[in-house]
Amino acid sequence: MLIQTESKAQGWRAVAVFDDRPDALIFVGRSSTQVRQQYAEAYAEVLDDEEREHVTTVQLQQWSGAPDAGRWVLKNTLKVPAPVKARVAA
């Protein structure tokens, strides 16, 4: 019997992989398309400058299994977003 508490599970996520610390969750979404469209903005908001310097890859992962018993499976590697240049007021 499958009991689901949401109308549609949040089955996809973007995770930052660092060279010097544990991985960090960036974004969780209902589809790979949603995660691909929104992870770059979340990346800029969630991670500070020092953390972004140590990101080696961003992984796209999908939940596999029951809601209470499963694991995250690597589906693809996403592009690490380019640093955002600060705008200087003239």
C-alpha atoms as a PDB file:
ATOM      1  CA  MET A   1       0.000   0.000   0.000  1.00  0.00           C
ATOM      2  CA  LEU A   2       1.351   3.404  -1.001  1.00  0.00           C
ATOM      3  CA  ILE A   3       0.454   6.339   1.202  1.00  0.00           C
ATOM      4  CA  GLN A   4       1.425   9.705  -0.172  1.00  0.00           C
ATOM      5  CA  THR A   5       1.088  12.933   1.809  1.00  0.00           C
ATOM      6  CA  GLU A   6       1.465  15.236  -1.214  1.00  0.00           C
ATOM      7  CA  SER A   7      -0.564  15.376  -4.400  1.00  0.00           C
ATOM      8  CA  LYS A   8       2.698  14.949  -6.306  1.00  0.00           C
ATOM      9  CA  ALA A   9       6.012  14.039  -4.719  1.00  0.00           C
ATOM     10  CA  GLN A  10       9.002  16.374  -4.878  1.00  0.00           C
ATOM     11  CA  GLY A  11      11.100  13.796  -6.703  1.00  0.00           C
ATOM     12  CA  TRP A  12      13.991  15.807  -8.159  1.00  0.00           C
ATOM     13  CA  ARG A  13      16.765  17.897  -6.644  1.00  0.00           C
ATOM     14  CA  ALA A  14      19.963  19.804  -7.414  1.00  0.00           C
ATOM     15  CA  VAL A  15      22.921  19.198  -5.086  1.00  0.00           C
ATOM     16  CA  ALA A  16      26.214  21.111  -4.969  1.00  0.00           C
ATOM     17  CA  VAL A  17      29.279  18.891  -4.600  1.00  0.00           C
ATOM     18  CA  PHE A  18      32.255  20.560  -2.890  1.00  0.00           C
ATOM     19  CA  ASP A  19      35.956  19.770  -2.934  1.00  0.00           C
ATOM     20  CA  ASP A  20      36.370  20.323   0.825  1.00  0.00           C
ATOM     21  CA  ARG A  21      33.055  19.674   2.645  1.00  0.00           C
ATOM     22  CA  PRO A  22      29.833  17.628   2.514  1.00  0.00           C
ATOM     23  CA  ASP A  23      27.345  18.154  -0.335  1.00  0.00           C
ATOM     24  CA  ALA A  24      24.681  20.878  -0.063  1.00  0.00           C
ATOM     25  CA  LEU A  25      21.069  20.787  -1.220  1.00  0.00           C
ATOM     26  CA  ILE A  26      20.330  23.670  -3.593  1.00  0.00           C
ATOM     27  CA  PHE A  27      16.805  23.068  -4.901  1.00  0.00           C
ATOM     28  CA  VAL A  28      14.002  20.485  -4.747  1.00  0.00           C
ATOM     29  CA  GLY A  29      11.276  20.262  -7.371  1.00  0.00           C
ATOM     30  CA  ARG A  30       8.565  18.114  -8.918  1.00  0.00           C
ATOM     31  CA  SER A  31      10.279  17.617 -12.280  1.00  0.00           C
ATOM     32  CA  SER A  32      13.719  17.681 -13.820  1.00  0.00           C
ATOM     33  CA  THR A  33      12.555  20.613 -15.954  1.00  0.00           C
ATOM     34  CA  GLN A  34      11.560  22.632 -12.900  1.00  0.00           C
ATOM     35  CA  VAL A  35      14.897  21.941 -11.201  1.00  0.00           C
ATOM     36  CA  ARG A  36      16.871  22.812 -14.356  1.00  0.00           C
ATOM     37  CA  GLN A  37      14.994  26.111 -14.712  1.00  0.00           C
ATOM     38  CA  GLN A  38      15.405  27.242 -11.112  1.00  0.00           C
ATOM     39  CA  TYR A  39      18.620  25.768  -9.682  1.00  0.00           C
ATOM     40  CA  ALA A  40      20.894  28.609 -10.885  1.00  0.00           C
ATOM     41  CA  GLU A  41      18.879  31.246  -9.036  1.00  0.00           C
ATOM     42  CA  ALA A  42      18.715  29.069  -5.919  1.00  0.00           C
ATOM     43  CA  TYR A  43      22.485  28.429  -6.198  1.00  0.00           C
ATOM     44  CA  ALA A  44      23.148  32.186  -5.977  1.00  0.00           C
ATOM     45  CA  GLU A  45      20.772  32.582  -3.006  1.00  0.00           C
ATOM     46  CA  VAL A  46      21.727  29.512  -0.961  1.00  0.00           C
ATOM     47  CA  LEU A  47      25.524  29.551  -1.255  1.00  0.00           C
ATOM     48  CA  ASP A  48      27.817  32.419  -0.260  1.00  0.00           C
ATOM     49  CA  ASP A  49      30.881  33.506  -2.266  1.00  0.00           C
ATOM     50  CA  GLU A  50      33.304  31.335  -0.281  1.00  0.00           C
ATOM     51  CA  GLU A  51      31.128  28.239  -0.711  1.00  0.00           C
ATOM     52  CA  ARG A  52      30.693  28.828  -4.443  1.00  0.00           C
ATOM     53  CA  GLU A  53      34.498  28.863  -4.872  1.00  0.00           C
ATOM     54  CA  HIS A  54      34.634  25.235  -3.682  1.00  0.00           C
ATOM     55  CA  VAL A  55      31.797  23.768  -5.795  1.00  0.00           C
ATOM     56  CA  THR A  56      33.143  21.161  -8.226  1.00  0.00           C
ATOM     57  CA  THR A  57      29.833  20.013  -9.765  1.00  0.00           C
ATOM     58  CA  VAL A  58      26.070  20.347  -9.447  1.00  0.00           C
ATOM     59  CA  GLN A  59      24.218  17.044  -9.613  1.00  0.00           C
ATOM     60  CA  LEU A  60      20.658  16.457 -10.800  1.00  0.00           C
ATOM     61  CA  GLN A  61      19.228  13.615  -8.702  1.00  0.00           C
ATOM     62  CA  GLN A  62      15.899  11.763  -8.721  1.00  0.00           C
ATOM     63  CA  TRP A  63      14.238   9.969  -5.813  1.00  0.00           C
ATOM     64  CA  SER A  64      13.919   6.229  -6.428  1.00  0.00           C
ATOM     65  CA  GLY A  65      11.699   4.108  -4.217  1.00  0.00           C
ATOM     66  CA  ALA A  66       8.857   4.556  -1.772  1.00  0.00           C
ATOM     67  CA  PRO A  67       8.465   7.917  -0.004  1.00  0.00           C
ATOM     68  CA  ASP A  68       9.803   6.466   3.249  1.00  0.00           C
ATOM     69  CA  ALA A  69      12.295   3.958   1.812  1.00  0.00           C
ATOM     70  CA  GLY A  70      14.396   4.844  -1.172  1.00  0.00           C
ATOM     71  CA  ARG A  71      17.461   6.741  -2.248  1.00  0.00           C
ATOM     72  CA  TRP A  72      18.583   9.616  -4.450  1.00  0.00           C
ATOM     73  CA  VAL A  73      19.960   8.496  -7.823  1.00  0.00           C
ATOM     74  CA  LEU A  74      22.311  10.632  -9.931  1.00  0.00           C
ATOM     75  CA  LYS A  75      20.641  11.380 -13.286  1.00  0.00           C
ATOM     76  CA  ASN A  76      22.857  14.104 -14.744  1.00  0.00           C
ATOM     77  CA  THR A  77      25.481  16.723 -13.996  1.00  0.00           C
ATOM     78  CA  LEU A  78      24.315  20.317 -14.363  1.00  0.00           C
ATOM     79  CA  LYS A  79      26.419  23.313 -15.324  1.00  0.00           C
ATOM     80  CA  VAL A  80      27.920  25.163 -12.360  1.00  0.00           C
ATOM     81  CA  PRO A  81      26.404  28.662 -12.650  1.00  0.00           C
ATOM     82  CA  ALA A  82      28.833  31.450 -13.532  1.00  0.00           C
ATOM     83  CA  PRO A  83      29.604  33.983 -10.823  1.00  0.00           C
ATOM     84  CA  VAL A  84      27.231  36.937 -10.771  1.00  0.00           C
ATOM     85  CA  LYS A  85      29.044  40.221 -11.343  1.00  0.00           C
ATOM     86  CA  ALA A  86      28.099  42.977  -8.941  1.00  0.00           C
ATOM     87  CA  ARG A  87      26.631  46.007 -10.661  1.00  0.00           C
ATOM     88  CA  VAL A  88      28.341  49.304  -9.946  1.00  0.00           C
ATOM     89  CA  ALA A  89      26.092  52.336  -9.825  1.00  0.00           C
ATOM     90  CA  ALA A  90      27.419  55.188 -11.942  1.00  0.00           C
END
